Amino acid sequence: MIQQEAEASASLGTMVILDGEEYLTVEEAAALLGVKRATLYAYVSRGILKSYKQGMKRARLYRRAEVEALVRLERRSFPDIPPAETWIRD
């Protein structure tokens, strides 16, 4: 898990910094979490993770600290959150 997190962090290149906070694009946040974009959107819709508007654009950003905190969570800490693969339909 830690190696996967380090590899994902190393691949991040277009991070946005606003008011001293680091924000990730959808691709960067999904890579850091090791999930698909659809799973990331499911996390947001279920209130597990917050997304933020990028100015007037439709694009959303994700606060890096919040994404990294989610990476560190242990499943037993939140037993009421079902596995993401059960939320996503093709």
C-alpha atoms as a PDB file:
ATOM      1  CA  MET A   1       0.000   0.000   0.000  1.00  0.00           C
ATOM      2  CA  ILE A   2       2.749   2.483   0.916  1.00  0.00           C
ATOM      3  CA  GLN A   3       4.690   1.692  -2.268  1.00  0.00           C
ATOM      4  CA  GLN A   4       1.494   2.178  -4.305  1.00  0.00           C
ATOM      5  CA  GLU A   5       0.915   5.532  -2.557  1.00  0.00           C
ATOM      6  CA  ALA A   6       4.509   6.617  -3.255  1.00  0.00           C
ATOM      7  CA  GLU A   7       4.225   5.655  -6.927  1.00  0.00           C
ATOM      8  CA  ALA A   8       0.943   7.559  -7.255  1.00  0.00           C
ATOM      9  CA  SER A   9       2.459  10.590  -5.531  1.00  0.00           C
ATOM     10  CA  ALA A  10       5.457  10.522  -7.850  1.00  0.00           C
ATOM     11  CA  SER A  11       3.185  10.584 -10.899  1.00  0.00           C
ATOM     12  CA  LEU A  12       1.358  13.715  -9.753  1.00  0.00           C
ATOM     13  CA  GLY A  13       2.477  16.638 -11.832  1.00  0.00           C
ATOM     14  CA  THR A  14      -0.274  19.204 -12.350  1.00  0.00           C
ATOM     15  CA  MET A  15      -1.238  19.826  -8.747  1.00  0.00           C
ATOM     16  CA  VAL A  16      -2.911  23.190  -8.089  1.00  0.00           C
ATOM     17  CA  ILE A  17      -1.970  25.360  -5.100  1.00  0.00           C
ATOM     18  CA  LEU A  18      -4.567  27.888  -3.892  1.00  0.00           C
ATOM     19  CA  ASP A  19      -4.116  29.955  -0.726  1.00  0.00           C
ATOM     20  CA  GLY A  20      -1.338  27.604   0.364  1.00  0.00           C
ATOM     21  CA  GLU A  21      -3.524  24.472  -0.003  1.00  0.00           C
ATOM     22  CA  GLU A  22      -2.623  21.767  -2.488  1.00  0.00           C
ATOM     23  CA  TYR A  23      -5.423  20.485  -4.723  1.00  0.00           C
ATOM     24  CA  LEU A  24      -5.470  17.518  -7.078  1.00  0.00           C
ATOM     25  CA  THR A  25      -7.283  17.003 -10.365  1.00  0.00           C
ATOM     26  CA  VAL A  26      -9.707  14.106 -10.698  1.00  0.00           C
ATOM     27  CA  GLU A  27      -7.041  12.015 -12.424  1.00  0.00           C
ATOM     28  CA  GLU A  28      -4.467  12.745  -9.708  1.00  0.00           C
ATOM     29  CA  ALA A  29      -6.882  12.051  -6.837  1.00  0.00           C
ATOM     30  CA  ALA A  30      -8.059   8.770  -8.399  1.00  0.00           C
ATOM     31  CA  ALA A  31      -4.438   7.692  -8.977  1.00  0.00           C
ATOM     32  CA  LEU A  32      -3.452   8.492  -5.390  1.00  0.00           C
ATOM     33  CA  LEU A  33      -6.418   6.506  -4.076  1.00  0.00           C
ATOM     34  CA  GLY A  34      -5.836   3.691  -6.541  1.00  0.00           C
ATOM     35  CA  VAL A  35      -9.434   3.840  -7.815  1.00  0.00           C
ATOM     36  CA  LYS A  36     -11.274   4.634 -11.029  1.00  0.00           C
ATOM     37  CA  ARG A  37     -12.762   8.083 -11.645  1.00  0.00           C
ATOM     38  CA  ALA A  38     -16.256   6.624 -11.172  1.00  0.00           C
ATOM     39  CA  THR A  39     -15.292   5.406  -7.705  1.00  0.00           C
ATOM     40  CA  LEU A  40     -13.922   8.848  -6.832  1.00  0.00           C
ATOM     41  CA  TYR A  41     -17.237  10.396  -7.923  1.00  0.00           C
ATOM     42  CA  ALA A  42     -19.062   7.841  -5.766  1.00  0.00           C
ATOM     43  CA  TYR A  43     -16.964   8.876  -2.756  1.00  0.00           C
ATOM     44  CA  VAL A  44     -18.024  12.492  -3.339  1.00  0.00           C
ATOM     45  CA  SER A  45     -21.713  11.688  -3.856  1.00  0.00           C
ATOM     46  CA  ARG A  46     -21.755   9.687  -0.617  1.00  0.00           C
ATOM     47  CA  GLY A  47     -20.003  12.397   1.390  1.00  0.00           C
ATOM     48  CA  ILE A  48     -16.788  10.434   1.958  1.00  0.00           C
ATOM     49  CA  LEU A  49     -14.693  13.009   0.106  1.00  0.00           C
ATOM     50  CA  LYS A  50     -15.327  16.644  -0.846  1.00  0.00           C
ATOM     51  CA  SER A  51     -14.713  18.208  -4.226  1.00  0.00           C
ATOM     52  CA  TYR A  52     -14.172  21.896  -4.936  1.00  0.00           C
ATOM     53  CA  LYS A  53     -14.926  24.050  -7.967  1.00  0.00           C
ATOM     54  CA  GLN A  54     -11.982  25.286  -9.958  1.00  0.00           C
ATOM     55  CA  GLY A  55     -12.946  28.911 -10.565  1.00  0.00           C
ATOM     56  CA  MET A  56     -15.648  29.288 -13.197  1.00  0.00           C
ATOM     57  CA  LYS A  57     -14.707  26.008 -14.838  1.00  0.00           C
ATOM     58  CA  ARG A  58     -16.780  22.885 -14.508  1.00  0.00           C
ATOM     59  CA  ALA A  59     -13.702  20.924 -13.396  1.00  0.00           C
ATOM     60  CA  ARG A  60     -13.526  19.790  -9.800  1.00  0.00           C
ATOM     61  CA  LEU A  61     -10.492  19.680  -7.538  1.00  0.00           C
ATOM     62  CA  TYR A  62      -9.781  17.560  -4.471  1.00  0.00           C
ATOM     63  CA  ARG A  63      -7.859  18.806  -1.443  1.00  0.00           C
ATOM     64  CA  ARG A  64      -4.657  16.748  -1.314  1.00  0.00           C
ATOM     65  CA  ALA A  65      -4.679  16.495   2.500  1.00  0.00           C
ATOM     66  CA  GLU A  66      -8.217  15.052   2.435  1.00  0.00           C
ATOM     67  CA  VAL A  67      -7.338  12.524  -0.271  1.00  0.00           C
ATOM     68  CA  GLU A  68      -4.210  11.429   1.618  1.00  0.00           C
ATOM     69  CA  ALA A  69      -6.248  11.083   4.837  1.00  0.00           C
ATOM     70  CA  LEU A  70      -8.675   8.822   2.983  1.00  0.00           C
ATOM     71  CA  VAL A  71      -5.761   6.724   1.705  1.00  0.00           C
ATOM     72  CA  ARG A  72      -4.632   6.179   5.302  1.00  0.00           C
ATOM     73  CA  LEU A  73      -8.030   5.132   6.620  1.00  0.00           C
ATOM     74  CA  GLU A  74      -8.404   1.594   7.753  1.00  0.00           C
ATOM     75  CA  ARG A  75     -11.535  -0.269   6.677  1.00  0.00           C
ATOM     76  CA  ARG A  76     -12.295  -1.295  10.268  1.00  0.00           C
ATOM     77  CA  SER A  77     -12.469   2.377  11.274  1.00  0.00           C
ATOM     78  CA  PHE A  78     -15.491   2.848   9.002  1.00  0.00           C
ATOM     79  CA  PRO A  79     -17.383  -0.460   8.825  1.00  0.00           C
ATOM     80  CA  ASP A  80     -20.527   1.249   7.470  1.00  0.00           C
ATOM     81  CA  ILE A  81     -18.790   2.147   4.185  1.00  0.00           C
ATOM     82  CA  PRO A  82     -19.326  -0.722   1.735  1.00  0.00           C
ATOM     83  CA  PRO A  83     -16.568  -1.622  -0.713  1.00  0.00           C
ATOM     84  CA  ALA A  84     -16.562   0.841  -3.613  1.00  0.00           C
ATOM     85  CA  GLU A  85     -16.896  -1.906  -6.211  1.00  0.00           C
ATOM     86  CA  THR A  86     -20.437  -2.587  -4.919  1.00  0.00           C
ATOM     87  CA  TRP A  87     -21.472   1.030  -5.661  1.00  0.00           C
ATOM     88  CA  ILE A  88     -20.348   1.230  -9.259  1.00  0.00           C
ATOM     89  CA  ARG A  89     -22.304  -0.137 -12.172  1.00  0.00           C
ATOM     90  CA  ASP A  90     -20.968  -0.404 -15.703  1.00  0.00           C
END
